[in-house]
Each structure stands twice: as structure tokens, then as C-alpha cells.
Amino acid sequence: MVDPKDNFIYPRASYQGHFEPGNLVFNANLQEFAQRVNYICNLETAGKISSNDAYVQIKDLWKTLKQSSKELGISKKSPPDEPTT
């Protein structure tokens, strides 16, 4: 049985998209990424780690998430063209 404290500390939202095993795994990876970024930002805000350390850690997490996306074959949609000014 899951401890209620774990649900509070590590909240997980249920997957709402088209069900495919890769999408489900990527969704879990994305939620973990968001949770870790939140912790890193809080540590940096509290002065426990430097801004540079936070940047490096988040960059590493992003690379891991990006690699996960590639390995799972998640289709990459290009963002719409942004107008240039």
C-alpha cells in the first residue's frame, strides 16, 4: 500500500493522452523531470546550491529526458513558426 505522505511529496497525475506504452513511460519520465526541476529550483532559491550548479543539473536532466524521448520513439512535433520582428 502506498503511504499517503508519498502521494503528497511525490504527486503523480494520471495519464490523459492516447494510450501507448511508450507514451505512458514518457509521461512518467516527464513527471519525474518536473519534480526534480522543482527540487533543484527550491534548493537554489534557498541558497543551498549555486545558480550554476542548478543550471548544470537541470541541463543534465533535460538531456536524460530528451534521450528517453528518442529511445521510446516519441514523435517530435516542431513548434509553429514564430514571427520574426
N, C-alpha and C. Protein backbone atom coordinates (compact mmCIF):
# COMPACT_ATOMS: atom_id res chain seq x y z
N MET A 1 0.84 -1.18 0.00
CA MET A 1 0.00 0.00 0.00
C MET A 1 0.88 1.24 0.00
N VAL A 2 0.46 2.26 -0.71
CA VAL A 2 1.23 3.49 -0.84
C VAL A 2 0.97 4.38 0.38
N ASP A 3 2.05 4.87 0.94
CA ASP A 3 1.96 5.77 2.08
C ASP A 3 1.37 7.11 1.63
N PRO A 4 0.39 7.65 2.33
CA PRO A 4 -0.20 8.94 1.94
C PRO A 4 0.82 10.07 1.85
N LYS A 5 1.89 9.99 2.68
CA LYS A 5 2.93 11.02 2.60
C LYS A 5 3.61 11.01 1.24
N ASP A 6 3.81 9.81 0.68
CA ASP A 6 4.43 9.71 -0.63
C ASP A 6 3.57 10.38 -1.70
N ASN A 7 2.27 10.22 -1.61
CA ASN A 7 1.38 10.88 -2.57
C ASN A 7 1.45 12.39 -2.45
N PHE A 8 1.67 12.88 -1.23
CA PHE A 8 1.77 14.32 -1.02
C PHE A 8 3.12 14.84 -1.52
N ILE A 9 4.18 14.14 -1.17
CA ILE A 9 5.53 14.60 -1.52
C ILE A 9 5.84 14.37 -2.99
N TYR A 10 5.40 13.24 -3.53
CA TYR A 10 5.66 12.89 -4.91
C TYR A 10 4.35 12.72 -5.68
N PRO A 11 3.64 13.81 -5.93
CA PRO A 11 2.34 13.67 -6.60
C PRO A 11 2.51 13.17 -8.03
N ARG A 12 1.59 12.33 -8.45
CA ARG A 12 1.58 11.81 -9.81
C ARG A 12 0.20 12.04 -10.40
N ALA A 13 0.17 12.59 -11.58
CA ALA A 13 -1.11 12.78 -12.27
C ALA A 13 -1.31 11.59 -13.20
N SER A 14 -2.54 11.19 -13.37
CA SER A 14 -2.81 10.07 -14.27
C SER A 14 -2.63 10.53 -15.72
N TYR A 15 -2.26 9.60 -16.57
CA TYR A 15 -2.01 9.90 -17.97
C TYR A 15 -3.33 10.13 -18.69
N GLN A 16 -3.43 11.21 -19.47
CA GLN A 16 -4.67 11.58 -20.14
C GLN A 16 -4.61 11.43 -21.66
N GLY A 17 -3.47 11.09 -22.21
CA GLY A 17 -3.32 11.05 -23.67
C GLY A 17 -3.70 9.71 -24.27
N HIS A 18 -3.40 9.59 -25.57
CA HIS A 18 -3.64 8.35 -26.30
C HIS A 18 -2.75 7.27 -25.72
N PHE A 19 -3.37 6.13 -25.33
CA PHE A 19 -2.59 5.10 -24.66
C PHE A 19 -1.71 4.34 -25.63
N GLU A 20 -0.42 4.43 -25.37
CA GLU A 20 0.61 3.62 -25.99
C GLU A 20 1.66 3.42 -24.90
N PRO A 21 2.25 2.26 -24.82
CA PRO A 21 3.22 2.02 -23.74
C PRO A 21 4.33 3.08 -23.70
N GLY A 22 4.85 3.48 -24.85
CA GLY A 22 5.91 4.49 -24.88
C GLY A 22 5.46 5.83 -24.34
N ASN A 23 4.22 6.20 -24.68
CA ASN A 23 3.68 7.47 -24.19
C ASN A 23 3.52 7.45 -22.67
N LEU A 24 3.08 6.32 -22.16
CA LEU A 24 2.87 6.17 -20.72
C LEU A 24 4.20 6.27 -19.98
N VAL A 25 5.22 5.61 -20.49
CA VAL A 25 6.55 5.66 -19.86
C VAL A 25 7.11 7.07 -19.95
N PHE A 26 6.96 7.70 -21.11
CA PHE A 26 7.49 9.06 -21.25
C PHE A 26 6.78 10.02 -20.31
N ASN A 27 5.47 9.84 -20.14
CA ASN A 27 4.71 10.68 -19.22
C ASN A 27 5.27 10.56 -17.80
N ALA A 28 5.58 9.34 -17.38
CA ALA A 28 6.17 9.13 -16.05
C ALA A 28 7.54 9.81 -15.97
N ASN A 29 8.34 9.69 -17.03
CA ASN A 29 9.65 10.34 -17.07
C ASN A 29 9.51 11.86 -17.01
N LEU A 30 8.51 12.38 -17.71
CA LEU A 30 8.28 13.82 -17.74
C LEU A 30 7.86 14.33 -16.36
N GLN A 31 7.02 13.57 -15.67
CA GLN A 31 6.61 13.98 -14.32
C GLN A 31 7.79 13.95 -13.35
N GLU A 32 8.64 12.95 -13.50
CA GLU A 32 9.83 12.87 -12.64
C GLU A 32 10.76 14.04 -12.94
N PHE A 33 10.91 14.38 -14.21
CA PHE A 33 11.73 15.53 -14.61
C PHE A 33 11.21 16.80 -13.94
N ALA A 34 9.91 17.01 -14.02
CA ALA A 34 9.31 18.21 -13.44
C ALA A 34 9.51 18.26 -11.93
N GLN A 35 9.36 17.13 -11.28
CA GLN A 35 9.55 17.06 -9.83
C GLN A 35 10.98 17.39 -9.45
N ARG A 36 11.93 16.83 -10.17
CA ARG A 36 13.34 17.09 -9.86
C ARG A 36 13.73 18.54 -10.13
N VAL A 37 13.21 19.11 -11.23
CA VAL A 37 13.48 20.52 -11.52
C VAL A 37 12.93 21.38 -10.39
N ASN A 38 11.76 21.03 -9.90
CA ASN A 38 11.17 21.77 -8.78
C ASN A 38 12.09 21.73 -7.56
N TYR A 39 12.60 20.55 -7.22
CA TYR A 39 13.51 20.44 -6.08
C TYR A 39 14.77 21.27 -6.29
N ILE A 40 15.34 21.19 -7.48
CA ILE A 40 16.57 21.93 -7.77
C ILE A 40 16.32 23.42 -7.65
N CYS A 41 15.21 23.89 -8.20
CA CYS A 41 14.88 25.32 -8.11
C CYS A 41 14.71 25.75 -6.65
N ASN A 42 14.06 24.91 -5.86
CA ASN A 42 13.88 25.24 -4.45
C ASN A 42 15.22 25.28 -3.71
N LEU A 43 16.11 24.34 -4.01
CA LEU A 43 17.43 24.35 -3.38
C LEU A 43 18.21 25.61 -3.77
N GLU A 44 18.11 26.01 -5.02
CA GLU A 44 18.81 27.20 -5.48
C GLU A 44 18.22 28.46 -4.84
N THR A 45 16.90 28.51 -4.76
CA THR A 45 16.24 29.66 -4.14
C THR A 45 16.61 29.78 -2.66
N ALA A 46 16.75 28.65 -1.99
CA ALA A 46 17.09 28.65 -0.56
C ALA A 46 18.59 28.87 -0.33
N GLY A 47 19.36 28.95 -1.41
CA GLY A 47 20.79 29.20 -1.26
C GLY A 47 21.60 27.96 -0.94
N LYS A 48 21.02 26.79 -1.11
CA LYS A 48 21.73 25.54 -0.80
C LYS A 48 22.66 25.11 -1.93
N ILE A 49 22.33 25.51 -3.15
CA ILE A 49 23.20 25.25 -4.31
C ILE A 49 23.30 26.54 -5.12
N SER A 50 24.36 26.66 -5.89
CA SER A 50 24.54 27.87 -6.69
C SER A 50 23.66 27.82 -7.95
N SER A 51 23.48 28.97 -8.54
CA SER A 51 22.70 29.05 -9.78
C SER A 51 23.34 28.23 -10.87
N ASN A 52 24.67 28.25 -10.93
CA ASN A 52 25.38 27.48 -11.94
C ASN A 52 25.17 25.98 -11.74
N ASP A 53 25.25 25.52 -10.48
CA ASP A 53 25.01 24.10 -10.19
C ASP A 53 23.58 23.71 -10.58
N ALA A 54 22.62 24.57 -10.27
CA ALA A 54 21.23 24.30 -10.62
C ALA A 54 21.08 24.18 -12.14
N TYR A 55 21.71 25.11 -12.85
CA TYR A 55 21.65 25.09 -14.31
C TYR A 55 22.21 23.79 -14.87
N VAL A 56 23.38 23.40 -14.37
CA VAL A 56 24.03 22.18 -14.86
C VAL A 56 23.17 20.95 -14.57
N GLN A 57 22.61 20.88 -13.37
CA GLN A 57 21.78 19.73 -13.01
C GLN A 57 20.52 19.67 -13.88
N ILE A 58 19.88 20.81 -14.10
CA ILE A 58 18.67 20.83 -14.93
C ILE A 58 19.01 20.49 -16.37
N LYS A 59 20.14 20.98 -16.85
CA LYS A 59 20.57 20.66 -18.21
C LYS A 59 20.79 19.15 -18.36
N ASP A 60 21.42 18.52 -17.36
CA ASP A 60 21.62 17.07 -17.40
C ASP A 60 20.30 16.32 -17.38
N LEU A 61 19.36 16.79 -16.56
CA LEU A 61 18.04 16.16 -16.52
C LEU A 61 17.34 16.28 -17.88
N TRP A 62 17.48 17.45 -18.51
CA TRP A 62 16.87 17.66 -19.82
C TRP A 62 17.45 16.71 -20.85
N LYS A 63 18.77 16.53 -20.83
CA LYS A 63 19.41 15.61 -21.77
C LYS A 63 18.90 14.19 -21.55
N THR A 64 18.72 13.80 -20.29
CA THR A 64 18.20 12.47 -19.98
C THR A 64 16.77 12.33 -20.51
N LEU A 65 15.95 13.34 -20.31
CA LEU A 65 14.57 13.30 -20.79
C LEU A 65 14.53 13.24 -22.32
N LYS A 66 15.37 14.01 -22.96
CA LYS A 66 15.44 14.03 -24.42
C LYS A 66 15.86 12.65 -24.95
N GLN A 67 16.85 12.04 -24.30
CA GLN A 67 17.30 10.70 -24.70
C GLN A 67 16.18 9.69 -24.51
N SER A 68 15.45 9.81 -23.43
CA SER A 68 14.31 8.93 -23.17
C SER A 68 13.28 9.05 -24.29
N SER A 69 13.03 10.26 -24.72
CA SER A 69 12.08 10.50 -25.81
C SER A 69 12.53 9.81 -27.09
N LYS A 70 13.81 9.92 -27.39
CA LYS A 70 14.35 9.27 -28.59
C LYS A 70 14.25 7.75 -28.49
N GLU A 71 14.63 7.20 -27.34
CA GLU A 71 14.62 5.75 -27.17
C GLU A 71 13.21 5.17 -27.23
N LEU A 72 12.23 5.95 -26.75
CA LEU A 72 10.85 5.47 -26.75
C LEU A 72 10.15 5.73 -28.09
N GLY A 73 10.80 6.46 -28.97
CA GLY A 73 10.22 6.73 -30.28
C GLY A 73 9.06 7.70 -30.24
N ILE A 74 9.09 8.60 -29.27
CA ILE A 74 8.04 9.61 -29.18
C ILE A 74 8.23 10.58 -30.35
N SER A 75 7.15 10.79 -31.09
CA SER A 75 7.27 11.67 -32.26
C SER A 75 7.55 13.09 -31.81
N LYS A 76 8.42 13.72 -32.54
CA LYS A 76 8.81 15.08 -32.22
C LYS A 76 8.07 16.02 -33.16
N LYS A 77 7.20 16.82 -32.60
CA LYS A 77 6.48 17.80 -33.40
C LYS A 77 7.23 19.12 -33.32
N SER A 78 7.43 19.72 -34.45
CA SER A 78 8.13 21.00 -34.44
C SER A 78 7.15 22.09 -34.01
N PRO A 79 7.63 23.04 -33.23
CA PRO A 79 6.74 24.13 -32.79
C PRO A 79 6.38 25.00 -33.99
N PRO A 80 5.25 25.66 -33.91
CA PRO A 80 4.87 26.53 -35.02
C PRO A 80 5.91 27.64 -35.21
N ASP A 81 6.02 28.08 -36.43
CA ASP A 81 6.98 29.15 -36.73
C ASP A 81 6.60 30.40 -35.93
N GLU A 82 7.60 30.96 -35.30
CA GLU A 82 7.36 32.19 -34.56
C GLU A 82 7.65 33.37 -35.48
N PRO A 83 6.81 34.38 -35.41
CA PRO A 83 7.05 35.53 -36.26
C PRO A 83 8.33 36.24 -35.87
N THR A 84 9.05 36.69 -36.84
CA THR A 84 10.28 37.43 -36.56
C THR A 84 9.96 38.92 -36.58
N THR A 85 10.59 39.64 -35.69
CA THR A 85 10.33 41.08 -35.64
C THR A 85 11.52 41.86 -36.05
